[in-house]
């Protein structure tokens, strides 16, 4: 209600949405208001939550239920976590009803992969634009570094992996397996590992803590 009041007071020409899940927002209340005012809404999707009955990433368990209607969610305890109840069936219907109520909605995805999934979902009737995530080129640019000398990488082709939290879903086991398949002129460098995970990594991987 506070957000809606802010929108009313500001009276924007365009409303931009990003992730609206995370236990802090009544999306049904918000979308009922957005449908009423009928202003252009651009919604950037960063995962699959908008068109599932619960989870943000169904590929992890290979679940196809989101295409026809969720039920008996295999990731009930995954984010956004539901410890006791499986409300995936009712959540799916409620989200479909709310999110397809807007007439003036454009969806944005940072990848063609996610855009393809959206087109197969109940949001498939809306226009989808692919806009890759931007970066600040004043910060992320080629800079002088001793990392190649420090880790004996001068003649190596570096395969870089970075994550805020490394787990199986982020592909950690895949990197470990890949390290056994690559030829000697390749070297895997992983950034963002905990001290414990660093101890578990094979010598074929250069493992670094979060910077």
C-alpha atoms as a PDB file:
ATOM      1  CA  UNK A   1       0.000   0.000   0.000  1.00  0.00           C
ATOM      2  CA  UNK A   2       2.919   2.337   0.727  1.00  0.00           C
ATOM      3  CA  UNK A   3       4.375   1.592  -2.702  1.00  0.00           C
ATOM      4  CA  UNK A   4       1.065   2.288  -4.437  1.00  0.00           C
ATOM      5  CA  UNK A   5       0.728   5.557  -2.541  1.00  0.00           C
ATOM      6  CA  UNK A   6       4.248   6.512  -3.662  1.00  0.00           C
ATOM      7  CA  UNK A   7       3.362   5.718  -7.282  1.00  0.00           C
ATOM      8  CA  UNK A   8       0.203   7.813  -7.003  1.00  0.00           C
ATOM      9  CA  UNK A   9       2.090  10.796  -5.580  1.00  0.00           C
ATOM     10  CA  UNK A  10       4.904  10.557  -8.131  1.00  0.00           C
ATOM     11  CA  UNK A  11       2.589   9.940 -11.104  1.00  0.00           C
ATOM     12  CA  UNK A  12       5.230   8.328 -13.369  1.00  0.00           C
ATOM     13  CA  UNK A  13       4.953   8.058 -17.139  1.00  0.00           C
ATOM     14  CA  UNK A  14       6.460   4.551 -17.146  1.00  0.00           C
ATOM     15  CA  UNK A  15       6.697   1.973 -14.357  1.00  0.00           C
ATOM     16  CA  UNK A  16       9.740  -0.322 -14.261  1.00  0.00           C
ATOM     17  CA  UNK A  17       9.614  -3.584 -12.321  1.00  0.00           C
ATOM     18  CA  UNK A  18      12.406  -6.028 -11.540  1.00  0.00           C
ATOM     19  CA  UNK A  19      12.278  -8.915  -9.040  1.00  0.00           C
ATOM     20  CA  UNK A  20       9.097  -8.619  -7.001  1.00  0.00           C
ATOM     21  CA  UNK A  21       9.514 -11.848  -5.037  1.00  0.00           C
ATOM     22  CA  UNK A  22      11.338 -12.129  -1.755  1.00  0.00           C
ATOM     23  CA  UNK A  23       8.666 -11.949   0.967  1.00  0.00           C
ATOM     24  CA  UNK A  24       8.206  -8.167   0.848  1.00  0.00           C
ATOM     25  CA  UNK A  25       5.481  -7.341  -1.669  1.00  0.00           C
ATOM     26  CA  UNK A  26       1.813  -8.187  -2.243  1.00  0.00           C
ATOM     27  CA  UNK A  27       1.984  -8.674  -6.011  1.00  0.00           C
ATOM     28  CA  UNK A  28      -1.784  -9.187  -6.394  1.00  0.00           C
ATOM     29  CA  UNK A  29      -2.511  -5.857  -4.752  1.00  0.00           C
ATOM     30  CA  UNK A  30       0.124  -4.146  -6.891  1.00  0.00           C
ATOM     31  CA  UNK A  31      -1.022  -5.631 -10.213  1.00  0.00           C
ATOM     32  CA  UNK A  32      -4.652  -4.846  -9.468  1.00  0.00           C
ATOM     33  CA  UNK A  33      -3.596  -1.214  -9.131  1.00  0.00           C
ATOM     34  CA  UNK A  34      -1.383  -1.307 -12.246  1.00  0.00           C
ATOM     35  CA  UNK A  35      -4.226  -2.764 -14.305  1.00  0.00           C
ATOM     36  CA  UNK A  36      -6.493   0.028 -13.084  1.00  0.00           C
ATOM     37  CA  UNK A  37      -4.189   2.930 -13.997  1.00  0.00           C
ATOM     38  CA  UNK A  38      -3.110   1.272 -17.302  1.00  0.00           C
ATOM     39  CA  UNK A  39       0.264   3.001 -17.538  1.00  0.00           C
ATOM     40  CA  UNK A  40       3.113   1.398 -19.530  1.00  0.00           C
ATOM     41  CA  UNK A  41       4.844  -1.234 -17.408  1.00  0.00           C
ATOM     42  CA  UNK A  42       8.265  -2.657 -18.278  1.00  0.00           C
ATOM     43  CA  UNK A  43       9.023  -5.764 -16.232  1.00  0.00           C
ATOM     44  CA  UNK A  44      12.556  -7.159 -16.303  1.00  0.00           C
ATOM     45  CA  UNK A  45      12.604 -10.842 -15.385  1.00  0.00           C
ATOM     46  CA  UNK A  46      15.807 -12.132 -13.801  1.00  0.00           C
ATOM     47  CA  UNK A  47      14.584 -15.691 -13.278  1.00  0.00           C
ATOM     48  CA  UNK A  48      11.524 -17.894 -13.897  1.00  0.00           C
ATOM     49  CA  UNK A  49       9.446 -17.069 -10.808  1.00  0.00           C
ATOM     50  CA  UNK A  50       6.936 -14.937 -12.737  1.00  0.00           C
ATOM     51  CA  UNK A  51       5.540 -17.958 -14.601  1.00  0.00           C
ATOM     52  CA  UNK A  52       5.798 -20.814 -12.105  1.00  0.00           C
ATOM     53  CA  UNK A  53       3.727 -21.792  -9.118  1.00  0.00           C
ATOM     54  CA  UNK A  54       6.681 -21.493  -6.789  1.00  0.00           C
ATOM     55  CA  UNK A  55      10.302 -21.802  -7.853  1.00  0.00           C
ATOM     56  CA  UNK A  56      12.660 -19.377  -9.546  1.00  0.00           C
ATOM     57  CA  UNK A  57      14.567 -22.010 -11.527  1.00  0.00           C
ATOM     58  CA  UNK A  58      12.826 -25.235 -12.600  1.00  0.00           C
ATOM     59  CA  UNK A  59      15.617 -26.458 -14.906  1.00  0.00           C
ATOM     60  CA  UNK A  60      17.570 -27.531 -11.826  1.00  0.00           C
ATOM     61  CA  UNK A  61      15.172 -30.466 -11.348  1.00  0.00           C
ATOM     62  CA  UNK A  62      13.966 -30.703 -14.949  1.00  0.00           C
ATOM     63  CA  UNK A  63      10.374 -29.880 -14.021  1.00  0.00           C
ATOM     64  CA  UNK A  64       8.004 -29.093 -16.951  1.00  0.00           C
ATOM     65  CA  UNK A  65       4.854 -28.401 -14.906  1.00  0.00           C
ATOM     66  CA  UNK A  66       5.099 -24.620 -15.394  1.00  0.00           C
ATOM     67  CA  UNK A  67       3.928 -25.041 -18.992  1.00  0.00           C
ATOM     68  CA  UNK A  68       0.477 -26.330 -18.034  1.00  0.00           C
ATOM     69  CA  UNK A  69       0.004 -25.735 -14.313  1.00  0.00           C
ATOM     70  CA  UNK A  70       2.141 -26.379 -11.236  1.00  0.00           C
ATOM     71  CA  UNK A  71       1.361 -28.877  -8.469  1.00  0.00           C
ATOM     72  CA  UNK A  72       3.334 -31.069  -6.022  1.00  0.00           C
ATOM     73  CA  UNK A  73       6.353 -28.796  -6.319  1.00  0.00           C
ATOM     74  CA  UNK A  74       9.658 -30.711  -6.137  1.00  0.00           C
ATOM     75  CA  UNK A  75      11.399 -27.536  -4.953  1.00  0.00           C
ATOM     76  CA  UNK A  76       8.974 -26.504  -2.231  1.00  0.00           C
ATOM     77  CA  UNK A  77      11.826 -25.851   0.196  1.00  0.00           C
ATOM     78  CA  UNK A  78      13.911 -23.934  -2.343  1.00  0.00           C
ATOM     79  CA  UNK A  79      13.772 -20.126  -2.569  1.00  0.00           C
ATOM     80  CA  UNK A  80      11.249 -18.622  -2.096  1.00  0.00           C
ATOM     81  CA  UNK A  81      11.011 -21.246   0.643  1.00  0.00           C
ATOM     82  CA  UNK A  82       7.775 -22.844   1.834  1.00  0.00           C
ATOM     83  CA  UNK A  83       8.489 -25.214   4.707  1.00  0.00           C
ATOM     84  CA  UNK A  84       5.060 -26.697   5.422  1.00  0.00           C
ATOM     85  CA  UNK A  85       2.533 -26.103   2.641  1.00  0.00           C
ATOM     86  CA  UNK A  86       2.669 -26.790  -1.079  1.00  0.00           C
ATOM     87  CA  UNK A  87       0.664 -23.939  -2.568  1.00  0.00           C
ATOM     88  CA  UNK A  88       2.177 -24.253  -6.038  1.00  0.00           C
ATOM     89  CA  UNK A  89      -1.131 -25.123  -7.710  1.00  0.00           C
ATOM     90  CA  UNK A  90      -3.054 -22.162  -6.293  1.00  0.00           C
ATOM     91  CA  UNK A  91      -0.035 -19.863  -6.610  1.00  0.00           C
ATOM     92  CA  UNK A  92       0.232 -20.696 -10.305  1.00  0.00           C
ATOM     93  CA  UNK A  93      -3.390 -19.718 -10.929  1.00  0.00           C
ATOM     94  CA  UNK A  94      -3.139 -16.565  -8.815  1.00  0.00           C
ATOM     95  CA  UNK A  95       0.033 -15.403 -10.556  1.00  0.00           C
ATOM     96  CA  UNK A  96      -1.386 -16.147 -13.999  1.00  0.00           C
ATOM     97  CA  UNK A  97      -4.522 -14.164 -13.184  1.00  0.00           C
ATOM     98  CA  UNK A  98      -2.575 -11.200 -11.803  1.00  0.00           C
ATOM     99  CA  UNK A  99       0.258 -11.039 -14.324  1.00  0.00           C
ATOM    100  CA  UNK A 100      -1.932 -11.390 -17.407  1.00  0.00           C
ATOM    101  CA  UNK A 101      -4.304  -8.662 -16.249  1.00  0.00           C
ATOM    102  CA  UNK A 102      -2.189  -5.828 -17.657  1.00  0.00           C
ATOM    103  CA  UNK A 103      -2.919  -4.531 -21.153  1.00  0.00           C
ATOM    104  CA  UNK A 104       0.151  -2.283 -21.359  1.00  0.00           C
ATOM    105  CA  UNK A 105       2.979  -4.625 -20.334  1.00  0.00           C
ATOM    106  CA  UNK A 106       6.334  -5.304 -21.998  1.00  0.00           C
ATOM    107  CA  UNK A 107       8.624  -8.002 -20.637  1.00  0.00           C
ATOM    108  CA  UNK A 108      12.405  -7.727 -20.689  1.00  0.00           C
ATOM    109  CA  UNK A 109      14.858 -10.587 -20.233  1.00  0.00           C
ATOM    110  CA  UNK A 110      18.662 -10.420 -20.049  1.00  0.00           C
ATOM    111  CA  UNK A 111      19.051 -13.537 -22.223  1.00  0.00           C
ATOM    112  CA  UNK A 112      17.522 -15.239 -25.252  1.00  0.00           C
ATOM    113  CA  UNK A 113      17.252 -18.395 -23.136  1.00  0.00           C
ATOM    114  CA  UNK A 114      14.867 -16.779 -20.659  1.00  0.00           C
ATOM    115  CA  UNK A 115      12.948 -15.054 -23.457  1.00  0.00           C
ATOM    116  CA  UNK A 116      12.338 -18.460 -25.033  1.00  0.00           C
ATOM    117  CA  UNK A 117      10.905 -19.825 -21.784  1.00  0.00           C
ATOM    118  CA  UNK A 118       8.640 -16.793 -21.346  1.00  0.00           C
ATOM    119  CA  UNK A 119       7.202 -17.365 -24.817  1.00  0.00           C
ATOM    120  CA  UNK A 120       6.150 -20.876 -23.762  1.00  0.00           C
ATOM    121  CA  UNK A 121       4.450 -19.691 -20.571  1.00  0.00           C
ATOM    122  CA  UNK A 122       1.158 -17.935 -19.840  1.00  0.00           C
ATOM    123  CA  UNK A 123       3.085 -14.677 -20.391  1.00  0.00           C
ATOM    124  CA  UNK A 124       3.695 -15.650 -24.012  1.00  0.00           C
ATOM    125  CA  UNK A 125       1.089 -13.192 -25.288  1.00  0.00           C
ATOM    126  CA  UNK A 126       3.184 -10.199 -24.249  1.00  0.00           C
ATOM    127  CA  UNK A 127       6.023  -8.602 -26.191  1.00  0.00           C
ATOM    128  CA  UNK A 128       9.438  -9.733 -24.938  1.00  0.00           C
ATOM    129  CA  UNK A 129      12.611  -7.727 -25.506  1.00  0.00           C
ATOM    130  CA  UNK A 130      16.071  -9.160 -24.833  1.00  0.00           C
ATOM    131  CA  UNK A 131      18.348  -6.567 -23.203  1.00  0.00           C
ATOM    132  CA  UNK A 132      21.568  -8.006 -21.741  1.00  0.00           C
ATOM    133  CA  UNK A 133      22.581  -6.798 -18.301  1.00  0.00           C
ATOM    134  CA  UNK A 134      24.773  -3.719 -18.488  1.00  0.00           C
ATOM    135  CA  UNK A 135      28.055  -3.142 -16.671  1.00  0.00           C
ATOM    136  CA  UNK A 136      29.973  -0.028 -15.649  1.00  0.00           C
ATOM    137  CA  UNK A 137      32.861   0.152 -18.112  1.00  0.00           C
ATOM    138  CA  UNK A 138      34.640   2.647 -15.854  1.00  0.00           C
ATOM    139  CA  UNK A 139      35.092  -0.214 -13.374  1.00  0.00           C
ATOM    140  CA  UNK A 140      35.044  -3.365 -15.500  1.00  0.00           C
ATOM    141  CA  UNK A 141      37.789  -2.778 -18.042  1.00  0.00           C
ATOM    142  CA  UNK A 142      41.229  -4.212 -18.881  1.00  0.00           C
ATOM    143  CA  UNK A 143      43.650  -3.311 -16.084  1.00  0.00           C
ATOM    144  CA  UNK A 144      47.212  -4.221 -15.239  1.00  0.00           C
ATOM    145  CA  UNK A 145      47.396  -7.248 -12.970  1.00  0.00           C
ATOM    146  CA  UNK A 146      49.958  -9.767 -11.729  1.00  0.00           C
ATOM    147  CA  UNK A 147      47.413 -12.579 -11.512  1.00  0.00           C
ATOM    148  CA  UNK A 148      48.811 -14.471 -14.522  1.00  0.00           C
ATOM    149  CA  UNK A 149      52.312 -14.386 -13.071  1.00  0.00           C
ATOM    150  CA  UNK A 150      51.118 -15.128  -9.544  1.00  0.00           C
ATOM    151  CA  UNK A 151      49.235 -18.266 -10.569  1.00  0.00           C
ATOM    152  CA  UNK A 152      51.517 -19.269 -13.479  1.00  0.00           C
ATOM    153  CA  UNK A 153      48.879 -18.529 -16.109  1.00  0.00           C
ATOM    154  CA  UNK A 154      51.005 -16.675 -18.653  1.00  0.00           C
ATOM    155  CA  UNK A 155      50.671 -19.355 -21.331  1.00  0.00           C
ATOM    156  CA  UNK A 156      47.239 -20.599 -20.258  1.00  0.00           C
ATOM    157  CA  UNK A 157      43.739 -20.053 -21.659  1.00  0.00           C
ATOM    158  CA  UNK A 158      41.710 -19.123 -18.575  1.00  0.00           C
ATOM    159  CA  UNK A 159      38.179 -20.461 -18.029  1.00  0.00           C
ATOM    160  CA  UNK A 160      36.639 -18.125 -15.451  1.00  0.00           C
ATOM    161  CA  UNK A 161      33.711 -18.883 -13.157  1.00  0.00           C
ATOM    162  CA  UNK A 162      32.283 -16.368 -10.677  1.00  0.00           C
ATOM    163  CA  UNK A 163      29.398 -16.723  -8.217  1.00  0.00           C
ATOM    164  CA  UNK A 164      28.205 -15.032  -5.050  1.00  0.00           C
ATOM    165  CA  UNK A 165      27.338 -18.436  -3.578  1.00  0.00           C
ATOM    166  CA  UNK A 166      28.772 -21.611  -5.109  1.00  0.00           C
ATOM    167  CA  UNK A 167      26.673 -24.779  -4.978  1.00  0.00           C
ATOM    168  CA  UNK A 168      25.600 -27.610  -7.250  1.00  0.00           C
ATOM    169  CA  UNK A 169      22.945 -25.459  -8.921  1.00  0.00           C
ATOM    170  CA  UNK A 170      25.596 -22.900  -9.838  1.00  0.00           C
ATOM    171  CA  UNK A 171      27.565 -25.601 -11.638  1.00  0.00           C
ATOM    172  CA  UNK A 172      30.408 -26.245  -9.181  1.00  0.00           C
ATOM    173  CA  UNK A 173      30.452 -29.998  -9.873  1.00  0.00           C
ATOM    174  CA  UNK A 174      30.432 -29.283 -13.608  1.00  0.00           C
ATOM    175  CA  UNK A 175      33.564 -27.138 -13.268  1.00  0.00           C
ATOM    176  CA  UNK A 176      35.283 -29.903 -11.288  1.00  0.00           C
ATOM    177  CA  UNK A 177      34.398 -32.428 -13.982  1.00  0.00           C
ATOM    178  CA  UNK A 178      35.473 -30.013 -16.725  1.00  0.00           C
ATOM    179  CA  UNK A 179      38.889 -29.648 -15.087  1.00  0.00           C
ATOM    180  CA  UNK A 180      39.534 -33.350 -15.753  1.00  0.00           C
ATOM    181  CA  UNK A 181      38.609 -33.020 -19.436  1.00  0.00           C
ATOM    182  CA  UNK A 182      40.543 -29.916 -20.477  1.00  0.00           C
ATOM    183  CA  UNK A 183      43.991 -30.062 -22.022  1.00  0.00           C
ATOM    184  CA  UNK A 184      47.068 -28.724 -20.249  1.00  0.00           C
ATOM    185  CA  UNK A 185      46.950 -25.301 -21.909  1.00  0.00           C
ATOM    186  CA  UNK A 186      43.628 -24.541 -20.156  1.00  0.00           C
ATOM    187  CA  UNK A 187      43.192 -23.523 -16.522  1.00  0.00           C
ATOM    188  CA  UNK A 188      39.970 -23.031 -14.570  1.00  0.00           C
ATOM    189  CA  UNK A 189      39.800 -20.107 -12.148  1.00  0.00           C
ATOM    190  CA  UNK A 190      36.816 -19.927  -9.780  1.00  0.00           C
ATOM    191  CA  UNK A 191      36.060 -16.814  -7.723  1.00  0.00           C
ATOM    192  CA  UNK A 192      33.709 -16.595  -4.737  1.00  0.00           C
ATOM    193  CA  UNK A 193      34.452 -19.857  -2.938  1.00  0.00           C
ATOM    194  CA  UNK A 194      34.423 -20.259   0.844  1.00  0.00           C
ATOM    195  CA  UNK A 195      37.539 -21.401   2.699  1.00  0.00           C
ATOM    196  CA  UNK A 196      36.011 -24.857   3.093  1.00  0.00           C
ATOM    197  CA  UNK A 197      35.198 -25.202  -0.628  1.00  0.00           C
ATOM    198  CA  UNK A 198      38.696 -24.035  -1.536  1.00  0.00           C
ATOM    199  CA  UNK A 199      40.110 -26.932   0.493  1.00  0.00           C
ATOM    200  CA  UNK A 200      37.854 -29.336  -1.411  1.00  0.00           C
ATOM    201  CA  UNK A 201      38.885 -28.188  -4.896  1.00  0.00           C
ATOM    202  CA  UNK A 202      41.314 -30.333  -6.918  1.00  0.00           C
ATOM    203  CA  UNK A 203      44.792 -28.920  -7.789  1.00  0.00           C
ATOM    204  CA  UNK A 204      43.610 -28.499 -11.388  1.00  0.00           C
ATOM    205  CA  UNK A 205      41.409 -25.563 -10.286  1.00  0.00           C
ATOM    206  CA  UNK A 206      42.615 -22.201  -8.984  1.00  0.00           C
ATOM    207  CA  UNK A 207      40.077 -21.410  -6.272  1.00  0.00           C
ATOM    208  CA  UNK A 208      39.744 -17.870  -4.888  1.00  0.00           C
ATOM    209  CA  UNK A 209      37.607 -16.370  -2.149  1.00  0.00           C
ATOM    210  CA  UNK A 210      34.988 -13.720  -2.782  1.00  0.00           C
ATOM    211  CA  UNK A 211      36.616 -10.418  -3.698  1.00  0.00           C
END
